[in-house]
Protein backbone atom coordinates (compact mmCIF):
# COMPACT_ATOMS: atom_id res chain seq x y z
CA MET A 1 109.67 98.73 114.73
CA ALA A 2 110.64 97.27 111.67
CA ARG A 3 112.19 98.21 109.17
CA LYS A 4 111.20 97.91 105.61
CA PHE A 5 112.79 98.12 101.70
CA ILE A 6 109.62 98.89 99.23
CA SER A 7 109.89 98.36 95.54
CA PHE A 8 108.08 97.39 92.65
CA LEU A 9 109.15 94.79 90.16
CA GLY A 10 108.37 95.96 86.75
CA THR A 11 108.38 94.06 82.95
CA GLY A 12 110.64 96.34 81.06
CA ASN A 13 114.35 95.20 79.19
CA TYR A 14 116.43 95.23 82.51
CA GLN A 15 120.13 95.56 81.50
CA PRO A 16 122.77 95.24 83.40
CA CYS A 17 124.35 98.07 84.61
CA LYS A 18 126.45 100.01 87.63
CA TYR A 19 124.54 102.34 89.80
CA ARG A 20 126.09 105.40 91.97
CA LEU A 21 124.95 106.13 94.97
CA ASN A 22 126.77 108.98 96.84
CA ASP A 23 130.11 107.95 96.55
CA ALA A 24 129.59 104.11 96.51
CA LEU A 25 129.91 102.22 92.97
CA SER A 26 127.81 98.90 92.94
CA SER A 27 129.11 95.84 91.09
CA GLU A 28 127.30 95.53 87.66
CA VAL A 29 123.77 94.23 88.37
CA THR A 30 120.33 94.06 86.41
CA PHE A 31 118.08 95.14 88.77
CA ILE A 32 118.56 97.90 90.98
CA GLN A 33 116.66 96.39 94.05
CA GLU A 34 119.91 94.04 94.08
CA ALA A 35 122.40 97.23 94.42
CA LEU A 36 120.26 99.31 96.79
CA ALA A 37 119.62 96.10 99.04
CA ASP A 38 123.28 95.57 99.20
CA LYS A 39 124.31 99.14 100.34
CA LEU A 40 121.07 99.60 102.20
CA CYS A 41 119.78 96.59 104.08
CA ARG A 42 122.77 95.02 104.86
CA ASP A 43 122.32 95.69 109.10
CA TYR A 44 118.52 94.52 108.51
CA SER A 45 117.27 91.82 110.99
CA ALA A 46 114.95 88.66 110.57
CA GLU A 47 112.34 91.02 111.59
CA ASP A 48 113.21 93.41 108.90
CA SER A 49 111.75 92.57 105.25
CA ILE A 50 112.31 93.48 101.62
CA CYS A 51 108.79 94.16 99.66
CA ILE A 52 108.50 94.02 96.28
CA PHE A 53 105.30 94.57 94.70
CA VAL A 54 104.62 92.61 91.54
CA THR A 55 102.01 92.34 88.99
CA LYS A 56 101.21 88.55 87.73
CA GLU A 57 103.15 89.42 84.46
CA ALA A 58 105.99 91.27 86.15
CA LYS A 59 106.12 87.96 88.67
CA LYS A 60 105.82 85.17 85.92
CA LYS A 61 109.07 87.57 83.70
CA TYR A 62 111.18 88.30 86.41
CA TRP A 63 110.34 87.58 90.01
CA GLN A 64 112.63 84.52 90.20
CA ALA A 65 116.00 85.78 88.96
CA LEU A 66 115.18 89.18 91.20
CA TYR A 67 114.68 86.54 94.13
CA ASN A 68 117.92 84.96 93.41
CA GLN A 69 120.05 87.87 93.19
CA LEU A 70 118.43 89.12 96.52
CA SER A 71 118.90 86.02 98.16
CA GLY A 72 122.20 85.55 96.72
CA LEU A 73 123.27 88.72 99.22
CA ASN A 74 123.06 86.45 102.46
CA LEU A 75 121.00 89.30 103.97
CA SER A 76 119.10 88.00 107.18
CA CYS A 77 115.68 90.04 106.17
CA LYS A 78 112.69 88.52 104.89
CA ILE A 79 112.38 88.66 100.95
CA ILE A 80 108.53 89.14 100.09
CA PRO A 81 106.82 89.35 96.93
CA THR A 82 103.38 91.02 96.90
CA ASP A 83 100.79 90.18 94.14
CA ILE A 84 99.07 93.88 92.72
CA ALA A 85 97.02 94.00 89.77
CA ASP A 86 97.01 95.58 87.15
CA SER A 87 95.53 99.27 87.42
CA LYS A 88 92.93 100.12 84.43
CA THR A 89 90.56 101.93 86.54
CA GLN A 90 90.01 104.35 89.52
CA ALA A 91 88.39 101.52 91.65
CA ASP A 92 91.72 99.54 90.61
CA ILE A 93 93.90 102.45 92.01
CA TRP A 94 91.95 102.70 95.16
CA ASN A 95 92.66 99.07 95.46
CA LEU A 96 96.01 99.08 95.06
CA PHE A 97 96.19 102.19 97.56
CA GLN A 98 94.95 99.46 100.17
CA THR A 99 96.86 96.68 99.14
CA LEU A 100 100.36 99.39 99.51
CA TYR A 101 98.99 100.87 102.63
CA ASP A 102 98.37 97.33 104.21
CA ALA A 103 101.87 96.38 103.76
CA ILE A 104 103.32 99.19 105.80
CA ASP A 105 102.48 98.19 109.75
CA GLU A 106 102.54 100.51 112.54
CA GLY A 107 106.14 102.31 113.10
CA ASP A 108 107.79 100.75 110.44
CA SER A 109 110.80 102.67 109.16
CA ILE A 110 110.81 102.71 105.24
CA ILE A 111 113.01 103.01 102.48
CA PHE A 112 111.44 103.19 99.23
CA ASP A 113 112.61 102.63 95.60
CA LEU A 114 110.46 103.76 93.07
CA THR A 115 112.44 103.32 90.08
CA HIS A 116 110.39 100.51 88.39
CA SER A 117 106.89 101.49 89.32
CA PHE A 118 104.36 103.19 86.46
CA ARG A 119 104.24 106.85 86.47
CA TYR A 120 101.25 107.58 88.86
CA LEU A 121 102.72 105.20 91.67
CA PRO A 122 105.26 107.73 93.47
CA MET A 123 102.79 110.44 93.61
CA LEU A 124 100.59 107.74 94.98
CA PHE A 125 103.27 106.07 97.38
CA PHE A 126 103.82 109.77 98.73
CA SER A 127 100.84 110.39 99.79
CA ILE A 128 100.36 106.49 101.14
CA LEU A 129 103.82 107.89 103.01
CA ASN A 130 101.91 110.76 104.17
CA TYR A 131 98.94 109.44 105.40
CA ALA A 132 100.73 106.34 107.18
CA GLN A 133 103.09 108.90 109.28
CA TYR A 134 100.24 109.92 111.13
CA LEU A 135 98.04 107.08 111.53
CA LYS A 136 100.85 104.13 111.83
CA HIS A 137 103.65 106.35 113.36
CA ILE A 138 105.97 105.45 110.28
CA SER A 139 109.21 107.26 109.39
CA VAL A 140 110.89 107.20 106.15
CA GLU A 141 114.78 106.79 105.90
CA GLY A 142 115.17 107.47 102.28
CA ILE A 143 113.30 107.29 98.59
CA TYR A 144 115.68 106.33 95.90
CA TYR A 145 115.37 106.33 91.92
CA GLY A 146 117.98 104.82 89.81
CA ALA A 147 118.82 106.98 86.88
CA TYR A 148 119.26 104.51 84.55
CA GLU A 149 118.42 106.55 81.34
CA ALA A 150 121.31 109.16 82.72
CA ARG A 151 124.01 106.45 82.75
CA THR A 152 127.77 107.44 81.80
CA ASP A 153 130.15 104.49 81.24
CA ALA A 154 131.00 104.40 84.81
CA ALA A 155 127.44 103.75 86.37
CA ALA A 156 123.88 105.64 86.70
CA PRO A 157 123.19 107.82 89.20
CA VAL A 158 120.42 106.82 91.98
CA PHE A 159 119.11 109.68 93.34
CA ASP A 160 117.85 110.23 96.60
CA MET A 161 114.06 111.75 96.84
CA LEU A 162 113.84 112.53 100.40
CA ASP A 163 113.81 116.03 100.03
CA ALA A 164 110.57 116.22 97.68
CA TYR A 165 108.92 114.00 100.74
CA THR A 166 110.47 116.42 103.39
CA VAL A 167 108.93 119.37 101.22
CA MET A 168 105.33 117.53 101.77
CA GLN A 169 106.01 117.89 105.46
CA TRP A 170 106.97 121.31 105.36
CA ALA A 171 103.47 121.83 103.50
CA ASN A 172 101.55 120.02 106.40
CA ALA A 173 103.93 121.97 108.85
CA ALA A 174 102.70 125.30 107.20
CA ASP A 175 99.15 124.27 107.26
CA ALA A 176 99.12 123.26 110.76
CA PHE A 177 100.72 126.61 111.30
CA THR A 178 98.68 128.68 109.39
CA SER A 179 95.47 127.25 110.35
CA TYR A 180 95.97 126.49 113.83
CA GLY A 181 98.61 128.38 114.98
CA ILE A 182 100.50 125.30 115.88
CA ALA A 183 104.29 126.09 115.01
CA ASP A 184 105.89 122.88 116.89
CA LYS A 185 106.33 120.99 113.17
CA LEU A 186 107.73 124.40 111.92
């Protein structure tokens, strides 16, 4: 069972910022992935990984800088860029679904950063996590959003969105109960 930190690299105008997760304040970083990996992936081993999904444009524009920052943390895990195409059609979105799903292995423990993804991607990835939970027996340890726009002079808050995913799990449990009388998950 490997642990995976999964994130997207965008093409926006990244600016240095400190991030606050719970009571921990990061150093000033350009990429939220660096702040989160520093806080959440310190105990990752060589079998674990940081998987960053990148389009051609994002890879060209920012991948080397992000890779250098993540490598500078001296983590034991692998840092893997995963190429994704720009999604412009419904078929593209289904291909992306498959690419994202294929990046998750049986029994993985997932931390997902949704900060720099297109607006539809968190919803798509939530459905992938839900699907993989049943078919690949994964666990979801955290879902994070770095709210750069909500920053103060001190830092930008990082919101843990795991509760939103948990509500989806409750809905599945409620369906199992009302449809089949199975109350175990409730």
